[in-house]
Amino acid sequence: GCQPAFQWKLWIYTNYDCNLRCSYCVAKSSPNAPRRAIGLKNAQRLVDEAVDLGFSEVFFTGGEPFILKEIYEMLAYSSARVRTSVLTNAML
């Protein structure tokens, strides 16, 4: 089959708090950032919509995604349906 010239990728910002305080952070994440999280059900809904629309990959990022207790469930759910990556500082 023929590969599409452009593949859609979804970036999901799981949360905005982080264990680091990097001056170059585009999300302005830090330990003092407001605690906002997308939640498991919303993440699952977004993954399902992305799959239905033919997205080729889902990326999870934040803040630091591994601060969230639900991140493992989010990643398991997503990776069972579509290619999945997570952007982390790998400090936790």
Protein backbone atom coordinates (compact mmCIF):
# COMPACT_ATOMS: atom_id res chain seq x y z
CA GLY A 1 0.00 0.00 0.00
CA CYS A 2 0.88 3.62 -0.37
CA GLN A 3 1.90 5.59 2.72
CA PRO A 4 0.21 8.98 3.14
CA ALA A 5 2.57 11.91 2.58
CA PHE A 6 1.62 13.36 5.98
CA GLN A 7 0.90 11.46 9.17
CA TRP A 8 -1.16 13.05 11.93
CA LYS A 9 0.28 12.93 15.46
CA LEU A 10 -1.57 13.94 18.61
CA TRP A 11 0.22 15.60 21.54
CA ILE A 12 -1.60 15.23 24.86
CA TYR A 13 -0.48 17.53 27.67
CA THR A 14 -1.27 15.34 30.67
CA ASN A 15 -0.48 17.94 33.33
CA TYR A 16 1.44 21.18 33.86
CA ASP A 17 3.28 20.58 37.12
CA CYS A 18 6.83 19.25 37.04
CA ASN A 19 9.56 18.24 39.45
CA LEU A 20 12.06 20.52 37.65
CA ARG A 21 12.15 24.25 36.96
CA CYS A 22 13.76 24.56 33.49
CA SER A 23 14.05 28.13 32.21
CA TYR A 24 13.49 26.99 28.60
CA CYS A 25 10.29 25.01 29.25
CA VAL A 26 7.67 25.92 26.63
CA ALA A 27 4.85 24.73 28.94
CA LYS A 28 6.16 26.90 31.81
CA SER A 29 6.06 23.84 34.06
CA SER A 30 7.58 23.77 37.53
CA PRO A 31 6.89 22.43 41.02
CA ASN A 32 4.89 25.65 41.61
CA ALA A 33 2.72 25.38 38.48
CA PRO A 34 -1.01 24.99 39.12
CA ARG A 35 -1.98 21.34 39.49
CA ARG A 36 -4.07 20.69 36.38
CA ALA A 37 -4.37 17.25 34.84
CA ILE A 38 -6.32 15.89 31.88
CA GLY A 39 -7.50 12.78 33.72
CA LEU A 40 -7.67 9.16 32.59
CA LYS A 41 -11.14 9.26 31.00
CA ASN A 42 -10.35 12.39 28.95
CA ALA A 43 -7.03 10.91 27.80
CA GLN A 44 -8.78 7.69 26.74
CA ARG A 45 -11.42 9.67 24.84
CA LEU A 46 -8.72 11.64 23.00
CA VAL A 47 -6.86 8.45 22.09
CA ASP A 48 -10.07 6.89 20.77
CA GLU A 49 -10.84 9.99 18.69
CA ALA A 50 -7.29 10.06 17.32
CA VAL A 51 -7.47 6.39 16.31
CA ASP A 52 -10.89 6.90 14.69
CA LEU A 53 -9.49 9.83 12.70
CA GLY A 54 -6.45 7.85 11.51
CA PHE A 55 -3.74 9.47 13.60
CA SER A 56 -0.46 7.56 13.37
CA GLU A 57 0.94 8.33 16.83
CA VAL A 58 0.02 9.78 20.22
CA PHE A 59 2.58 11.60 22.37
CA PHE A 60 2.09 12.18 26.09
CA THR A 61 3.89 15.16 27.61
CA GLY A 62 3.41 17.76 30.32
CA GLY A 63 4.75 19.04 32.78
CA GLU A 64 6.21 15.77 33.89
CA PRO A 65 3.75 12.99 33.03
CA PHE A 66 5.18 10.55 35.58
CA ILE A 67 4.02 12.79 38.44
CA LEU A 68 0.53 11.46 37.66
CA LYS A 69 -0.56 8.17 39.21
CA GLU A 70 -2.77 7.51 36.15
CA ILE A 71 0.03 7.85 33.58
CA TYR A 72 0.69 4.10 33.41
CA GLU A 73 -2.98 3.42 32.67
CA MET A 74 -2.99 6.17 30.04
CA LEU A 75 0.08 4.75 28.33
CA ALA A 76 -1.21 1.16 28.46
CA TYR A 77 -4.56 2.19 26.99
CA SER A 78 -2.96 4.24 24.23
CA SER A 79 -0.20 1.78 23.31
CA ALA A 80 -2.76 -1.01 22.86
CA ARG A 81 -4.42 1.10 20.14
CA VAL A 82 -1.80 3.28 18.44
CA ARG A 83 1.94 3.96 18.41
CA THR A 84 2.58 5.82 21.67
CA SER A 85 5.48 7.88 23.01
CA VAL A 86 6.01 9.78 26.23
CA LEU A 87 8.18 12.86 26.71
CA THR A 88 9.72 12.87 30.19
CA ASN A 89 12.71 14.33 31.99
CA ALA A 90 13.41 10.79 33.33
CA MET A 91 14.17 12.14 36.80
CA LEU A 92 11.41 10.32 38.70
